[in-house]
Amino acid sequence: MYQVSITYRMLFYSRVFYGFSMKRIIHKLGQGRAFIFGLPTKSVELLNGLCAFFFSMTFLIAEALTSRFEIYRNFIYIDMPVIWMGMLLVSITQFRLLFRDTLESNIGSVLILRLSCVVWFSCALLFGVDSLLLNTEFFTYSSISFLCLIASLELGNRNSYEELLRKECRND
């Protein structure tokens, strides 16, 4: 009984002092969770966008430091601005397409996921080239690449099914 009264008191004070309802916030969070985890491809798209963003920020902020670390030694063959700008472009595009739910945005997401699959696997090879593919970075980036590939195939199948339904509806 005491716990319930504290909860109602918190809801009341949040509305009085902050002008918003905790119920509304909890409802919006539930909608966001259902949106991200409702379809398995949305969570992979979110993971891909976040990984690409943080990967690009690592090379943008600590560009001089990454060349000193032993693990990043194979990245010297690629121009650093190309790495961080490319990954930032992938992440921004992925986030823009993530929150739209149209056939066109899904086709764009398929293309970005397939491009990301190639990029992540290339990163995995750069990390694993000297150590005979026996390090955690190789397996981590290969796993992200594999997830992007599976999600793009699933999203592509769903897009072709929706496109087929759309054509049948137009013909009727």
Protein backbone atom coordinates (compact mmCIF):
# COMPACT_ATOMS: atom_id res chain seq x y z
CA MET A 1 0.00 0.00 0.00
CA TYR A 2 2.79 2.39 0.91
CA GLN A 3 4.61 1.67 -2.39
CA VAL A 4 1.50 2.52 -4.41
CA SER A 5 1.06 5.86 -2.69
CA ILE A 6 4.71 6.75 -3.38
CA THR A 7 4.24 5.94 -7.05
CA TYR A 8 1.12 8.10 -7.32
CA ARG A 9 2.87 10.90 -5.45
CA MET A 10 5.81 10.73 -7.90
CA LEU A 11 3.42 10.85 -10.85
CA PHE A 12 1.64 13.85 -9.35
CA TYR A 13 4.83 15.79 -8.59
CA SER A 14 6.31 15.08 -12.01
CA ARG A 15 3.22 16.62 -13.63
CA VAL A 16 3.15 19.61 -11.27
CA PHE A 17 6.84 20.51 -11.33
CA TYR A 18 7.96 19.38 -14.76
CA GLY A 19 4.79 19.71 -16.83
CA PHE A 20 4.83 16.16 -18.12
CA SER A 21 3.40 12.89 -17.01
CA MET A 22 5.53 9.89 -16.08
CA LYS A 23 2.79 7.72 -17.56
CA ARG A 24 3.35 9.41 -20.91
CA ILE A 25 7.11 8.88 -20.70
CA ILE A 26 6.67 5.22 -19.77
CA HIS A 27 4.19 4.81 -22.64
CA LYS A 28 6.63 6.41 -25.13
CA LEU A 29 9.47 4.21 -23.90
CA GLY A 30 7.26 1.17 -24.38
CA GLN A 31 6.44 2.26 -27.91
CA GLY A 32 10.14 2.74 -28.67
CA ARG A 33 10.99 -0.67 -27.28
CA ALA A 34 8.24 -2.26 -29.35
CA PHE A 35 9.50 -0.41 -32.43
CA ILE A 36 13.14 -1.46 -31.99
CA PHE A 37 12.52 -5.04 -30.86
CA GLY A 38 9.27 -5.67 -32.75
CA LEU A 39 11.14 -6.65 -35.90
CA PRO A 40 14.50 -8.41 -35.62
CA THR A 41 16.03 -6.31 -38.37
CA LYS A 42 15.41 -3.02 -36.53
CA SER A 43 17.62 -4.04 -33.61
CA VAL A 44 20.42 -5.04 -36.00
CA GLU A 45 20.03 -1.73 -37.84
CA LEU A 46 20.31 0.11 -34.52
CA LEU A 47 23.36 -1.94 -33.54
CA ASN A 48 24.97 -1.29 -36.92
CA GLY A 49 24.34 2.45 -36.71
CA LEU A 50 25.69 2.69 -33.16
CA CYS A 51 28.78 0.61 -33.93
CA ALA A 52 29.54 2.64 -37.05
CA PHE A 53 29.06 5.91 -35.15
CA PHE A 54 31.35 4.95 -32.28
CA PHE A 55 33.91 3.45 -34.66
CA SER A 56 34.02 6.72 -36.62
CA MET A 57 34.23 8.80 -33.44
CA THR A 58 37.19 6.71 -32.28
CA PHE A 59 39.09 7.52 -35.45
CA LEU A 60 37.95 11.15 -35.48
CA ILE A 61 38.84 11.99 -31.87
CA ALA A 62 41.87 9.79 -31.35
CA GLU A 63 43.33 9.71 -34.85
CA ALA A 64 46.90 10.24 -33.67
CA LEU A 65 46.56 7.72 -30.86
CA THR A 66 45.13 4.93 -32.99
CA SER A 67 48.22 4.89 -35.20
CA ARG A 68 50.39 4.26 -32.13
CA PHE A 69 48.47 1.23 -30.90
CA GLU A 70 49.70 -2.11 -32.11
CA ILE A 71 46.23 -3.39 -32.91
CA TYR A 72 45.50 -0.57 -35.39
CA ARG A 73 48.78 -0.93 -37.30
CA ASN A 74 47.09 -2.21 -40.47
CA PHE A 75 44.85 0.85 -40.69
CA ILE A 76 47.81 3.00 -41.77
CA TYR A 77 47.27 1.77 -45.31
CA ILE A 78 43.92 3.56 -45.42
CA ASP A 79 43.58 7.31 -45.14
CA MET A 80 42.14 8.12 -41.69
CA PRO A 81 39.60 10.76 -42.83
CA VAL A 82 38.23 8.24 -45.29
CA ILE A 83 37.61 5.79 -42.44
CA TRP A 84 35.84 8.11 -40.06
CA MET A 85 33.87 10.03 -42.70
CA GLY A 86 32.74 6.80 -44.37
CA MET A 87 31.63 5.21 -41.14
CA LEU A 88 29.93 8.42 -40.00
CA LEU A 89 28.06 8.58 -43.32
CA VAL A 90 26.99 4.95 -42.91
CA SER A 91 25.74 5.58 -39.37
CA ILE A 92 23.84 8.77 -40.23
CA THR A 93 22.20 7.10 -43.22
CA GLN A 94 21.33 4.04 -41.15
CA PHE A 95 19.71 6.18 -38.45
CA ARG A 96 17.73 8.18 -41.01
CA LEU A 97 16.37 5.01 -42.58
CA LEU A 98 15.80 3.25 -39.26
CA PHE A 99 12.95 5.46 -38.11
CA ARG A 100 11.01 5.35 -41.36
CA ASP A 101 8.78 2.43 -42.19
CA THR A 102 8.21 2.59 -45.92
CA LEU A 103 9.18 0.22 -48.68
CA GLU A 104 11.69 2.73 -50.05
CA SER A 105 13.40 3.18 -46.68
CA ASN A 106 13.54 -0.58 -46.25
CA ILE A 107 15.25 -0.93 -49.63
CA GLY A 108 17.74 1.75 -48.56
CA SER A 109 18.30 -0.13 -45.30
CA VAL A 110 19.03 -3.31 -47.23
CA LEU A 111 21.67 -1.49 -49.28
CA ILE A 112 23.24 0.12 -46.19
CA LEU A 113 23.26 -3.20 -44.32
CA ARG A 114 24.97 -4.94 -47.25
CA LEU A 115 27.52 -2.14 -47.54
CA SER A 116 28.08 -2.39 -43.79
CA CYS A 117 28.57 -6.12 -44.10
CA VAL A 118 31.46 -5.55 -46.50
CA VAL A 119 32.91 -2.72 -44.41
CA TRP A 120 32.76 -4.67 -41.12
CA PHE A 121 34.30 -7.76 -42.70
CA SER A 122 37.07 -5.61 -44.18
CA CYS A 123 37.74 -4.22 -40.71
CA ALA A 124 37.80 -7.75 -39.34
CA LEU A 125 40.38 -8.76 -41.95
CA LEU A 126 42.51 -5.70 -41.15
CA PHE A 127 42.49 -6.69 -37.49
CA GLY A 128 43.17 -10.36 -38.14
CA VAL A 129 45.70 -10.28 -40.95
CA ASP A 130 48.82 -10.46 -38.77
CA SER A 131 47.58 -12.66 -35.97
CA LEU A 132 46.28 -15.52 -38.11
CA LEU A 133 42.67 -14.52 -37.36
CA LEU A 134 43.00 -15.45 -33.69
CA ASN A 135 41.94 -12.30 -31.87
CA THR A 136 38.71 -10.97 -30.45
CA GLU A 137 38.49 -8.03 -32.85
CA PHE A 138 38.33 -10.36 -35.83
CA PHE A 139 35.50 -12.37 -34.32
CA THR A 140 33.63 -9.29 -33.09
CA TYR A 141 33.65 -7.48 -36.43
CA SER A 142 32.97 -10.71 -38.31
CA SER A 143 29.93 -11.27 -36.09
CA ILE A 144 28.64 -7.76 -36.77
CA SER A 145 29.20 -8.38 -40.47
CA PHE A 146 27.30 -11.66 -40.31
CA LEU A 147 24.41 -10.01 -38.43
CA CYS A 148 24.23 -7.26 -41.07
CA LEU A 149 24.18 -9.88 -43.83
CA ILE A 150 21.40 -11.92 -42.21
CA ALA A 151 19.34 -8.79 -41.45
CA SER A 152 19.72 -7.50 -45.01
CA LEU A 153 18.59 -10.85 -46.42
CA GLU A 154 15.58 -10.95 -44.09
CA LEU A 155 14.66 -7.35 -44.86
CA GLY A 156 15.10 -7.99 -48.58
CA ASN A 157 12.77 -10.99 -48.42
CA ARG A 158 10.17 -8.97 -46.53
CA ASN A 159 10.49 -6.12 -49.05
CA SER A 160 9.97 -8.44 -52.01
CA TYR A 161 6.92 -9.93 -50.30
CA GLU A 162 5.47 -6.46 -49.63
CA GLU A 163 6.20 -5.39 -53.19
CA LEU A 164 4.46 -8.49 -54.54
CA LEU A 165 1.42 -7.75 -52.36
CA ARG A 166 1.39 -4.15 -53.55
CA LYS A 167 1.45 -5.23 -57.20
CA GLU A 168 -1.36 -7.72 -56.64
CA CYS A 169 -3.47 -5.06 -54.92
CA ARG A 170 -2.98 -2.69 -57.89
CA ASN A 171 -3.99 -5.38 -60.38
CA ASP A 172 -7.25 -6.19 -58.55
